[in-house]
Amino acid sequence: MKHPSKIKAVILLSGSAKMVVAAAYAPYYETPEKRIAAIDTYLAPKWFKAVTRETWDDNDFLPGDHVVNPVLGLRLWREAASPKLHVWIRYLCEFNAQDIVAQLSTLTVPTLLLKPGLEGFAESVDQNYMVNYCHTSWDGVENHTSITVKTIPESRVFLWLDQPQRVGDEIGLFLGRVR
């Protein structure tokens, strides 16, 4: 968005546009300033103060969030869990503060957003956070003139590992249109 003359195209694989919060907390997340204030006054100093490595790992993404294959999912979960706790806490504070949806009106570069299918997640109360992360956070971008949105069935966050052919095909089609 800042350097459209230097970028020919953007491809987003999974990911989130912003943190989706429960309705009760929405007023604290309406603007970037409110998001930052909520994190600086509550989340970082109070909530994260009580987080231990054990509570973090027990409440982080699950192996099945990463890929469909449970063995590969566990390997990816272990790799993702390897950074020190303070690094993860800082990352999560920064993630919770960002919201690119508010800036998308300035996007002019052709962009492909590939979302994982997450079949079965929306029905599971314990895993619908993944739907918020990968789908709900992008609500409204389907009509954006610069963004092409595709969902890759039978995939999780690492959708290129679950469905490499489908992901490759979608990228190829997109790049063919951009050229």
N, C-alpha and C. Protein backbone atom coordinates (compact mmCIF):
# COMPACT_ATOMS: atom_id res chain seq x y z
N MET A 1 0.82 -1.20 0.00
CA MET A 1 0.00 0.00 0.00
C MET A 1 0.86 1.26 0.00
N LYS A 2 2.07 1.15 0.58
CA LYS A 2 2.93 2.32 0.66
C LYS A 2 3.78 2.53 -0.58
N HIS A 3 4.06 1.46 -1.33
CA HIS A 3 4.96 1.56 -2.48
C HIS A 3 4.40 0.83 -3.69
N PRO A 4 3.21 1.21 -4.17
CA PRO A 4 2.60 0.48 -5.28
C PRO A 4 3.41 0.50 -6.57
N SER A 5 4.24 1.50 -6.76
CA SER A 5 5.05 1.55 -7.98
C SER A 5 6.20 0.54 -7.95
N LYS A 6 6.52 0.02 -6.77
CA LYS A 6 7.62 -0.93 -6.64
C LYS A 6 7.16 -2.38 -6.55
N ILE A 7 5.86 -2.58 -6.40
CA ILE A 7 5.31 -3.92 -6.20
C ILE A 7 4.37 -4.24 -7.36
N LYS A 8 4.60 -5.37 -8.01
CA LYS A 8 3.74 -5.75 -9.13
C LYS A 8 2.49 -6.50 -8.67
N ALA A 9 2.65 -7.34 -7.64
CA ALA A 9 1.52 -8.12 -7.14
C ALA A 9 1.86 -8.62 -5.74
N VAL A 10 0.81 -8.97 -4.99
CA VAL A 10 0.97 -9.50 -3.64
C VAL A 10 0.15 -10.79 -3.54
N ILE A 11 0.74 -11.80 -2.90
CA ILE A 11 0.03 -13.05 -2.65
C ILE A 11 0.05 -13.29 -1.15
N LEU A 12 -1.13 -13.40 -0.56
CA LEU A 12 -1.27 -13.65 0.88
C LEU A 12 -1.76 -15.08 1.07
N LEU A 13 -0.99 -15.87 1.79
CA LEU A 13 -1.36 -17.26 2.07
C LEU A 13 -1.83 -17.34 3.52
N SER A 14 -3.11 -17.62 3.70
CA SER A 14 -3.73 -17.66 5.03
C SER A 14 -3.57 -16.31 5.70
N GLY A 15 -3.38 -16.31 6.97
CA GLY A 15 -3.17 -15.05 7.65
C GLY A 15 -4.44 -14.35 8.06
N SER A 16 -4.24 -13.24 8.71
CA SER A 16 -5.34 -12.50 9.30
C SER A 16 -5.18 -11.01 9.04
N ALA A 17 -6.28 -10.35 8.80
CA ALA A 17 -6.24 -8.91 8.56
C ALA A 17 -6.24 -8.13 9.88
N LYS A 18 -6.84 -8.72 10.88
CA LYS A 18 -6.92 -8.07 12.20
C LYS A 18 -7.38 -9.09 13.22
N MET A 19 -7.23 -8.74 14.46
CA MET A 19 -7.73 -9.58 15.54
C MET A 19 -9.23 -9.38 15.63
N VAL A 20 -9.98 -10.46 15.61
CA VAL A 20 -11.43 -10.39 15.76
C VAL A 20 -11.73 -10.67 17.23
N VAL A 21 -12.41 -9.74 17.87
CA VAL A 21 -12.70 -9.86 19.30
C VAL A 21 -14.20 -10.04 19.53
N ALA A 22 -14.53 -10.54 20.70
CA ALA A 22 -15.93 -10.69 21.09
C ALA A 22 -16.61 -9.32 21.10
N ALA A 23 -17.90 -9.32 20.87
CA ALA A 23 -18.67 -8.07 20.78
C ALA A 23 -18.47 -7.17 22.00
N ALA A 24 -18.34 -7.75 23.17
CA ALA A 24 -18.17 -6.96 24.39
C ALA A 24 -16.88 -6.13 24.37
N TYR A 25 -15.87 -6.61 23.65
CA TYR A 25 -14.59 -5.91 23.60
C TYR A 25 -14.43 -5.04 22.34
N ALA A 26 -15.37 -5.12 21.43
CA ALA A 26 -15.28 -4.39 20.16
C ALA A 26 -15.05 -2.89 20.33
N PRO A 27 -15.69 -2.21 21.29
CA PRO A 27 -15.44 -0.77 21.44
C PRO A 27 -13.97 -0.43 21.72
N TYR A 28 -13.25 -1.36 22.33
CA TYR A 28 -11.83 -1.13 22.64
C TYR A 28 -10.93 -1.35 21.43
N TYR A 29 -11.49 -1.85 20.34
CA TYR A 29 -10.70 -2.20 19.15
C TYR A 29 -11.17 -1.45 17.90
N GLU A 30 -12.00 -0.43 18.05
CA GLU A 30 -12.58 0.27 16.90
C GLU A 30 -11.56 1.01 16.06
N THR A 31 -10.54 1.57 16.67
CA THR A 31 -9.52 2.33 15.95
C THR A 31 -8.14 1.81 16.35
N PRO A 32 -7.13 2.09 15.53
CA PRO A 32 -5.77 1.67 15.91
C PRO A 32 -5.35 2.23 17.27
N GLU A 33 -5.73 3.46 17.55
CA GLU A 33 -5.36 4.08 18.82
C GLU A 33 -6.00 3.34 20.00
N LYS A 34 -7.28 2.97 19.84
CA LYS A 34 -7.96 2.23 20.91
C LYS A 34 -7.37 0.83 21.08
N ARG A 35 -7.00 0.19 19.96
CA ARG A 35 -6.38 -1.13 20.03
C ARG A 35 -5.07 -1.05 20.83
N ILE A 36 -4.26 -0.09 20.48
CA ILE A 36 -2.95 0.06 21.15
C ILE A 36 -3.15 0.37 22.63
N ALA A 37 -4.09 1.25 22.94
CA ALA A 37 -4.35 1.59 24.34
C ALA A 37 -4.82 0.37 25.13
N ALA A 38 -5.69 -0.44 24.54
CA ALA A 38 -6.18 -1.65 25.23
C ALA A 38 -5.04 -2.62 25.50
N ILE A 39 -4.15 -2.75 24.55
CA ILE A 39 -3.02 -3.67 24.72
C ILE A 39 -2.03 -3.11 25.74
N ASP A 40 -1.74 -1.81 25.64
CA ASP A 40 -0.77 -1.20 26.55
C ASP A 40 -1.26 -1.10 27.99
N THR A 41 -2.57 -0.96 28.19
CA THR A 41 -3.08 -0.79 29.56
C THR A 41 -3.60 -2.08 30.19
N TYR A 42 -4.06 -3.01 29.37
CA TYR A 42 -4.61 -4.23 29.95
C TYR A 42 -3.83 -5.48 29.53
N LEU A 43 -3.85 -5.76 28.25
CA LEU A 43 -3.31 -7.04 27.78
C LEU A 43 -1.85 -7.25 28.15
N ALA A 44 -0.99 -6.34 27.78
CA ALA A 44 0.45 -6.53 28.03
C ALA A 44 0.80 -6.53 29.52
N PRO A 45 0.43 -5.50 30.27
CA PRO A 45 0.89 -5.47 31.67
C PRO A 45 0.11 -6.36 32.63
N LYS A 46 -1.15 -6.65 32.33
CA LYS A 46 -1.97 -7.38 33.30
C LYS A 46 -2.18 -8.84 32.90
N TRP A 47 -2.71 -9.05 31.71
CA TRP A 47 -3.02 -10.42 31.31
C TRP A 47 -1.76 -11.23 31.05
N PHE A 48 -0.83 -10.68 30.27
CA PHE A 48 0.37 -11.44 29.95
C PHE A 48 1.31 -11.61 31.14
N LYS A 49 1.12 -10.81 32.16
CA LYS A 49 1.95 -10.94 33.37
C LYS A 49 1.78 -12.32 34.00
N ALA A 50 0.61 -12.92 33.85
CA ALA A 50 0.31 -14.21 34.46
C ALA A 50 0.59 -15.39 33.53
N VAL A 51 1.00 -15.14 32.29
CA VAL A 51 1.21 -16.22 31.33
C VAL A 51 2.53 -16.94 31.60
N THR A 52 2.45 -18.27 31.64
CA THR A 52 3.65 -19.10 31.75
C THR A 52 3.81 -19.87 30.44
N ARG A 53 4.94 -20.51 30.27
CA ARG A 53 5.14 -21.31 29.06
C ARG A 53 4.06 -22.39 28.95
N GLU A 54 3.72 -22.99 30.07
CA GLU A 54 2.71 -24.05 30.06
C GLU A 54 1.34 -23.51 29.65
N THR A 55 0.92 -22.38 30.23
CA THR A 55 -0.39 -21.83 29.87
C THR A 55 -0.39 -21.33 28.43
N TRP A 56 0.74 -20.82 27.96
CA TRP A 56 0.83 -20.39 26.56
C TRP A 56 0.64 -21.58 25.63
N ASP A 57 1.43 -22.63 25.85
CA ASP A 57 1.35 -23.80 24.96
C ASP A 57 -0.02 -24.46 25.01
N ASP A 58 -0.65 -24.48 26.19
CA ASP A 58 -1.97 -25.09 26.32
C ASP A 58 -3.06 -24.28 25.62
N ASN A 59 -2.81 -23.01 25.37
CA ASN A 59 -3.84 -22.14 24.78
C ASN A 59 -3.46 -21.59 23.41
N ASP A 60 -2.36 -22.05 22.87
CA ASP A 60 -1.90 -21.61 21.55
C ASP A 60 -2.64 -22.41 20.47
N PHE A 61 -2.30 -22.12 19.22
CA PHE A 61 -2.86 -22.93 18.13
C PHE A 61 -2.60 -24.40 18.41
N LEU A 62 -3.47 -25.24 17.91
CA LEU A 62 -3.33 -26.67 18.05
C LEU A 62 -2.61 -27.24 16.82
N PRO A 63 -2.02 -28.41 16.93
CA PRO A 63 -1.37 -29.01 15.76
C PRO A 63 -2.29 -29.09 14.54
N GLY A 64 -3.57 -29.41 14.75
CA GLY A 64 -4.52 -29.51 13.64
C GLY A 64 -4.89 -28.18 13.01
N ASP A 65 -4.50 -27.08 13.62
CA ASP A 65 -4.74 -25.77 13.02
C ASP A 65 -3.77 -25.51 11.87
N HIS A 66 -2.61 -26.14 11.95
CA HIS A 66 -1.55 -25.88 10.98
C HIS A 66 -1.78 -26.60 9.66
N VAL A 67 -2.01 -27.90 9.72
CA VAL A 67 -2.23 -28.73 8.53
C VAL A 67 -3.21 -29.83 8.86
N VAL A 68 -3.73 -30.48 7.84
CA VAL A 68 -4.67 -31.59 8.02
C VAL A 68 -3.95 -32.81 8.58
N ASN A 69 -2.76 -33.11 8.10
CA ASN A 69 -1.99 -34.29 8.54
C ASN A 69 -1.56 -34.11 9.99
N PRO A 70 -2.00 -35.00 10.90
CA PRO A 70 -1.71 -34.80 12.32
C PRO A 70 -0.22 -34.90 12.68
N VAL A 71 0.53 -35.73 12.01
CA VAL A 71 1.96 -35.87 12.32
C VAL A 71 2.70 -34.60 11.90
N LEU A 72 2.44 -34.13 10.69
CA LEU A 72 3.06 -32.88 10.22
C LEU A 72 2.58 -31.71 11.07
N GLY A 73 1.31 -31.73 11.47
CA GLY A 73 0.77 -30.67 12.32
C GLY A 73 1.51 -30.58 13.64
N LEU A 74 1.80 -31.71 14.25
CA LEU A 74 2.54 -31.71 15.51
C LEU A 74 3.96 -31.19 15.31
N ARG A 75 4.60 -31.57 14.22
CA ARG A 75 5.95 -31.07 13.94
C ARG A 75 5.94 -29.55 13.75
N LEU A 76 4.96 -29.04 13.02
CA LEU A 76 4.86 -27.59 12.81
C LEU A 76 4.51 -26.87 14.11
N TRP A 77 3.65 -27.48 14.93
CA TRP A 77 3.31 -26.88 16.22
C TRP A 77 4.56 -26.76 17.08
N ARG A 78 5.37 -27.81 17.12
CA ARG A 78 6.61 -27.77 17.91
C ARG A 78 7.55 -26.70 17.40
N GLU A 79 7.65 -26.58 16.10
CA GLU A 79 8.52 -25.54 15.52
C GLU A 79 8.00 -24.15 15.86
N ALA A 80 6.70 -23.96 15.75
CA ALA A 80 6.10 -22.66 16.06
C ALA A 80 6.23 -22.32 17.54
N ALA A 81 6.24 -23.34 18.39
CA ALA A 81 6.32 -23.12 19.84
C ALA A 81 7.75 -22.88 20.32
N SER A 82 8.72 -23.00 19.44
CA SER A 82 10.12 -22.95 19.87
C SER A 82 10.64 -21.57 20.31
N PRO A 83 10.13 -20.45 19.81
CA PRO A 83 10.67 -19.17 20.30
C PRO A 83 10.42 -18.98 21.80
N LYS A 84 11.23 -18.15 22.40
CA LYS A 84 11.08 -17.82 23.82
C LYS A 84 9.71 -17.16 24.04
N LEU A 85 9.16 -17.33 25.23
CA LEU A 85 7.83 -16.83 25.55
C LEU A 85 7.73 -15.32 25.37
N HIS A 86 8.74 -14.56 25.79
CA HIS A 86 8.65 -13.10 25.67
C HIS A 86 8.56 -12.67 24.21
N VAL A 87 9.15 -13.44 23.30
CA VAL A 87 9.05 -13.12 21.86
C VAL A 87 7.60 -13.32 21.40
N TRP A 88 6.98 -14.42 21.82
CA TRP A 88 5.60 -14.68 21.45
C TRP A 88 4.65 -13.63 22.02
N ILE A 89 4.89 -13.22 23.25
CA ILE A 89 4.03 -12.21 23.86
C ILE A 89 4.13 -10.89 23.10
N ARG A 90 5.34 -10.49 22.77
CA ARG A 90 5.51 -9.25 22.00
C ARG A 90 4.84 -9.36 20.64
N TYR A 91 5.04 -10.49 19.98
CA TYR A 91 4.40 -10.70 18.68
C TYR A 91 2.88 -10.60 18.80
N LEU A 92 2.30 -11.24 19.80
CA LEU A 92 0.85 -11.22 19.94
C LEU A 92 0.34 -9.81 20.26
N CYS A 93 1.07 -9.06 21.05
CA CYS A 93 0.69 -7.67 21.32
C CYS A 93 0.69 -6.87 20.01
N GLU A 94 1.72 -7.03 19.21
CA GLU A 94 1.79 -6.32 17.92
C GLU A 94 0.68 -6.77 16.98
N PHE A 95 0.44 -8.09 16.93
CA PHE A 95 -0.63 -8.61 16.08
C PHE A 95 -1.98 -8.05 16.50
N ASN A 96 -2.27 -8.05 17.80
CA ASN A 96 -3.55 -7.54 18.28
C ASN A 96 -3.73 -6.06 18.00
N ALA A 97 -2.65 -5.33 17.86
CA ALA A 97 -2.73 -3.89 17.63
C ALA A 97 -2.96 -3.55 16.15
N GLN A 98 -2.61 -4.44 15.25
CA GLN A 98 -2.71 -4.11 13.82
C GLN A 98 -4.11 -4.37 13.26
N ASP A 99 -4.45 -3.64 12.22
CA ASP A 99 -5.72 -3.81 11.50
C ASP A 99 -5.53 -3.23 10.11
N ILE A 100 -5.22 -4.09 9.14
CA ILE A 100 -4.98 -3.57 7.80
C ILE A 100 -6.27 -3.30 7.03
N VAL A 101 -7.39 -3.78 7.53
CA VAL A 101 -8.66 -3.56 6.83
C VAL A 101 -8.93 -2.07 6.67
N ALA A 102 -8.62 -1.31 7.70
CA ALA A 102 -8.86 0.14 7.66
C ALA A 102 -8.05 0.82 6.55
N GLN A 103 -6.94 0.22 6.14
CA GLN A 103 -6.07 0.82 5.12
C GLN A 103 -6.30 0.27 3.72
N LEU A 104 -7.13 -0.75 3.58
CA LEU A 104 -7.29 -1.40 2.28
C LEU A 104 -7.87 -0.50 1.20
N SER A 105 -8.50 0.58 1.58
CA SER A 105 -9.05 1.49 0.57
C SER A 105 -7.95 2.11 -0.28
N THR A 106 -6.71 2.10 0.22
CA THR A 106 -5.59 2.66 -0.55
C THR A 106 -4.86 1.60 -1.39
N LEU A 107 -5.27 0.34 -1.27
CA LEU A 107 -4.60 -0.74 -2.00
C LEU A 107 -4.92 -0.67 -3.49
N THR A 108 -3.88 -0.60 -4.31
CA THR A 108 -4.06 -0.59 -5.76
C THR A 108 -3.34 -1.75 -6.45
N VAL A 109 -2.44 -2.40 -5.74
CA VAL A 109 -1.66 -3.50 -6.30
C VAL A 109 -2.53 -4.75 -6.36
N PRO A 110 -2.53 -5.47 -7.50
CA PRO A 110 -3.29 -6.72 -7.55
C PRO A 110 -2.85 -7.66 -6.44
N THR A 111 -3.82 -8.18 -5.69
CA THR A 111 -3.53 -9.00 -4.52
C THR A 111 -4.37 -10.27 -4.56
N LEU A 112 -3.73 -11.39 -4.32
CA LEU A 112 -4.41 -12.67 -4.21
C LEU A 112 -4.40 -13.09 -2.75
N LEU A 113 -5.58 -13.32 -2.19
CA LEU A 113 -5.71 -13.81 -0.82
C LEU A 113 -6.22 -15.24 -0.89
N LEU A 114 -5.37 -16.18 -0.46
CA LEU A 114 -5.78 -17.58 -0.41
C LEU A 114 -6.08 -17.94 1.05
N LYS A 115 -7.32 -18.38 1.27
CA LYS A 115 -7.76 -18.75 2.61
C LYS A 115 -7.89 -20.26 2.71
N PRO A 116 -7.55 -20.82 3.87
CA PRO A 116 -7.74 -22.27 4.05
C PRO A 116 -9.21 -22.62 4.19
N GLY A 117 -9.57 -23.83 3.78
CA GLY A 117 -10.97 -24.26 3.86
C GLY A 117 -11.47 -24.40 5.29
N LEU A 118 -10.63 -24.90 6.18
CA LEU A 118 -11.00 -25.07 7.60
C LEU A 118 -12.28 -25.85 7.79
N GLU A 119 -12.51 -26.84 6.94
CA GLU A 119 -13.72 -27.64 7.04
C GLU A 119 -13.87 -28.21 8.45
N GLY A 120 -15.06 -28.02 9.02
CA GLY A 120 -15.36 -28.52 10.35
C GLY A 120 -15.05 -27.55 11.48
N PHE A 121 -14.28 -26.52 11.22
CA PHE A 121 -13.89 -25.60 12.30
C PHE A 121 -15.04 -24.71 12.74
N ALA A 122 -15.85 -24.22 11.83
CA ALA A 122 -16.92 -23.30 12.18
C ALA A 122 -17.95 -23.96 13.10
N GLU A 123 -18.10 -25.28 12.96
CA GLU A 123 -19.07 -26.00 13.77
C GLU A 123 -18.53 -26.30 15.17
N SER A 124 -17.22 -26.18 15.36
CA SER A 124 -16.61 -26.53 16.63
C SER A 124 -16.36 -25.27 17.46
N VAL A 125 -17.04 -25.15 18.58
CA VAL A 125 -16.88 -23.98 19.44
C VAL A 125 -15.42 -23.83 19.88
N ASP A 126 -14.72 -24.95 20.06
CA ASP A 126 -13.34 -24.91 20.52
C ASP A 126 -12.37 -24.46 19.44
N GLN A 127 -12.77 -24.49 18.16
CA GLN A 127 -11.84 -24.14 17.10
C GLN A 127 -12.33 -23.03 16.19
N ASN A 128 -13.43 -22.39 16.50
CA ASN A 128 -13.91 -21.34 15.61
C ASN A 128 -13.02 -20.10 15.61
N TYR A 129 -12.04 -20.04 16.52
CA TYR A 129 -11.07 -18.95 16.48
C TYR A 129 -10.31 -18.95 15.16
N MET A 130 -10.11 -20.11 14.56
CA MET A 130 -9.42 -20.18 13.27
C MET A 130 -10.27 -19.57 12.16
N VAL A 131 -11.58 -19.73 12.25
CA VAL A 131 -12.47 -19.10 11.27
C VAL A 131 -12.37 -17.58 11.41
N ASN A 132 -12.36 -17.08 12.65
CA ASN A 132 -12.19 -15.64 12.87
C ASN A 132 -10.86 -15.16 12.32
N TYR A 133 -9.82 -15.90 12.59
CA TYR A 133 -8.46 -15.54 12.17
C TYR A 133 -8.33 -15.50 10.64
N CYS A 134 -8.77 -16.55 9.97
CA CYS A 134 -8.52 -16.69 8.53
C CYS A 134 -9.66 -16.22 7.63
N HIS A 135 -10.88 -16.12 8.16
CA HIS A 135 -12.02 -15.76 7.32
C HIS A 135 -12.70 -14.46 7.78
N THR A 136 -13.21 -14.46 9.00
CA THR A 136 -13.98 -13.32 9.49
C THR A 136 -13.17 -12.03 9.46
N SER A 137 -11.87 -12.11 9.76
CA SER A 137 -11.05 -10.90 9.79
C SER A 137 -10.98 -10.21 8.42
N TRP A 138 -11.27 -10.96 7.37
CA TRP A 138 -11.24 -10.41 6.01
C TRP A 138 -12.62 -10.02 5.49
N ASP A 139 -13.65 -10.07 6.32
CA ASP A 139 -15.00 -9.73 5.86
C ASP A 139 -15.00 -8.38 5.17
N GLY A 140 -15.65 -8.34 4.01
CA GLY A 140 -15.76 -7.10 3.25
C GLY A 140 -14.76 -6.94 2.13
N VAL A 141 -13.69 -7.74 2.10
CA VAL A 141 -12.68 -7.55 1.04
C VAL A 141 -13.08 -8.24 -0.27
N GLU A 142 -14.11 -9.08 -0.24
CA GLU A 142 -14.51 -9.79 -1.44
C GLU A 142 -14.88 -8.84 -2.58
N ASN A 143 -15.34 -7.65 -2.26
CA ASN A 143 -15.75 -6.68 -3.27
C ASN A 143 -14.66 -5.66 -3.61
N HIS A 144 -13.49 -5.82 -3.03
CA HIS A 144 -12.39 -4.89 -3.29
C HIS A 144 -11.88 -5.12 -4.71
N THR A 145 -11.69 -4.06 -5.46
CA THR A 145 -11.31 -4.20 -6.87
C THR A 145 -9.90 -4.75 -7.08
N SER A 146 -9.01 -4.63 -6.11
CA SER A 146 -7.65 -5.11 -6.27
C SER A 146 -7.40 -6.49 -5.65
N ILE A 147 -8.39 -7.02 -4.94
CA ILE A 147 -8.17 -8.27 -4.21
C ILE A 147 -9.00 -9.41 -4.82
N THR A 148 -8.31 -10.49 -5.12
CA THR A 148 -8.96 -11.73 -5.53
C THR A 148 -8.90 -12.67 -4.34
N VAL A 149 -10.05 -13.17 -3.92
CA VAL A 149 -10.12 -14.05 -2.76
C VAL A 149 -10.50 -15.45 -3.22
N LYS A 150 -9.71 -16.42 -2.80
CA LYS A 150 -9.99 -17.83 -3.10
C LYS A 150 -9.83 -18.64 -1.83
N THR A 151 -10.68 -19.64 -1.67
CA THR A 151 -10.57 -20.55 -0.54
C THR A 151 -10.09 -21.90 -1.06
N ILE A 152 -9.09 -22.44 -0.42
CA ILE A 152 -8.52 -23.73 -0.81
C ILE A 152 -9.16 -24.80 0.08
N PRO A 153 -10.02 -25.66 -0.50
CA PRO A 153 -10.69 -26.68 0.31
C PRO A 153 -9.69 -27.68 0.90
N GLU A 154 -10.15 -28.32 1.98
CA GLU A 154 -9.38 -29.38 2.63
C GLU A 154 -7.99 -28.90 3.04
N SER A 155 -7.94 -27.73 3.67
CA SER A 155 -6.66 -27.17 4.09
C SER A 155 -6.80 -26.41 5.39
N ARG A 156 -5.66 -26.20 6.01
CA ARG A 156 -5.54 -25.41 7.23
C ARG A 156 -4.61 -24.24 6.94
N VAL A 157 -4.03 -23.62 7.97
CA VAL A 157 -3.23 -22.41 7.81
C VAL A 157 -2.06 -22.61 6.83
N PHE A 158 -1.38 -23.74 6.91
CA PHE A 158 -0.30 -24.03 5.97
C PHE A 158 -0.90 -24.69 4.73
N LEU A 159 -1.81 -23.99 4.08
CA LEU A 159 -2.57 -24.55 2.98
C LEU A 159 -1.70 -25.03 1.83
N TRP A 160 -0.53 -24.44 1.64
CA TRP A 160 0.37 -24.87 0.58
C TRP A 160 0.97 -26.25 0.86
N LEU A 161 0.98 -26.67 2.12
CA LEU A 161 1.43 -28.03 2.44
C LEU A 161 0.29 -29.03 2.29
N ASP A 162 -0.93 -28.60 2.59
CA ASP A 162 -2.09 -29.49 2.45
C ASP A 162 -2.49 -29.68 0.99
N GLN A 163 -2.47 -28.62 0.23
CA GLN A 163 -2.96 -28.65 -1.16
C GLN A 163 -1.98 -27.93 -2.09
N PRO A 164 -0.76 -28.45 -2.24
CA PRO A 164 0.23 -27.74 -3.04
C PRO A 164 -0.19 -27.52 -4.49
N GLN A 165 -0.86 -28.49 -5.09
CA GLN A 165 -1.27 -28.35 -6.49
C GLN A 165 -2.32 -27.25 -6.64
N ARG A 166 -3.33 -27.28 -5.78
CA ARG A 166 -4.39 -26.26 -5.85
C ARG A 166 -3.82 -24.85 -5.60
N VAL A 167 -2.95 -24.74 -4.61
CA VAL A 167 -2.34 -23.44 -4.32
C VAL A 167 -1.50 -22.98 -5.51
N GLY A 168 -0.69 -23.88 -6.05
CA GLY A 168 0.12 -23.55 -7.22
C GLY A 168 -0.72 -23.14 -8.41
N ASP A 169 -1.82 -23.85 -8.63
CA ASP A 169 -2.72 -23.51 -9.75
C ASP A 169 -3.31 -22.11 -9.58
N GLU A 170 -3.78 -21.80 -8.37
CA GLU A 170 -4.38 -20.47 -8.12
C GLU A 170 -3.34 -19.37 -8.28
N ILE A 171 -2.15 -19.60 -7.80
CA ILE A 171 -1.08 -18.60 -7.96
C ILE A 171 -0.74 -18.43 -9.44
N GLY A 172 -0.65 -19.54 -10.16
CA GLY A 172 -0.37 -19.46 -11.60
C GLY A 172 -1.43 -18.68 -12.37
N LEU A 173 -2.70 -18.95 -12.07
CA LEU A 173 -3.79 -18.21 -12.73
C LEU A 173 -3.71 -16.72 -12.41
N PHE A 174 -3.49 -16.41 -11.14
CA PHE A 174 -3.40 -15.01 -10.71
C PHE A 174 -2.25 -14.31 -11.40
N LEU A 175 -1.07 -14.90 -11.38
CA LEU A 175 0.10 -14.26 -12.00
C LEU A 175 -0.07 -14.13 -13.51
N GLY A 176 -0.79 -15.09 -14.12
CA GLY A 176 -1.09 -14.97 -15.55
C GLY A 176 -1.95 -13.75 -15.85
N ARG A 177 -2.89 -13.44 -14.96
CA ARG A 177 -3.73 -12.25 -15.15
C ARG A 177 -2.95 -10.97 -14.88
N VAL A 178 -2.02 -11.02 -13.92
CA VAL A 178 -1.25 -9.83 -13.56
C VAL A 178 -0.28 -9.45 -14.67
N ARG A 179 0.32 -10.45 -15.30
CA ARG A 179 1.29 -10.19 -16.37
C ARG A 179 0.60 -9.50 -17.52
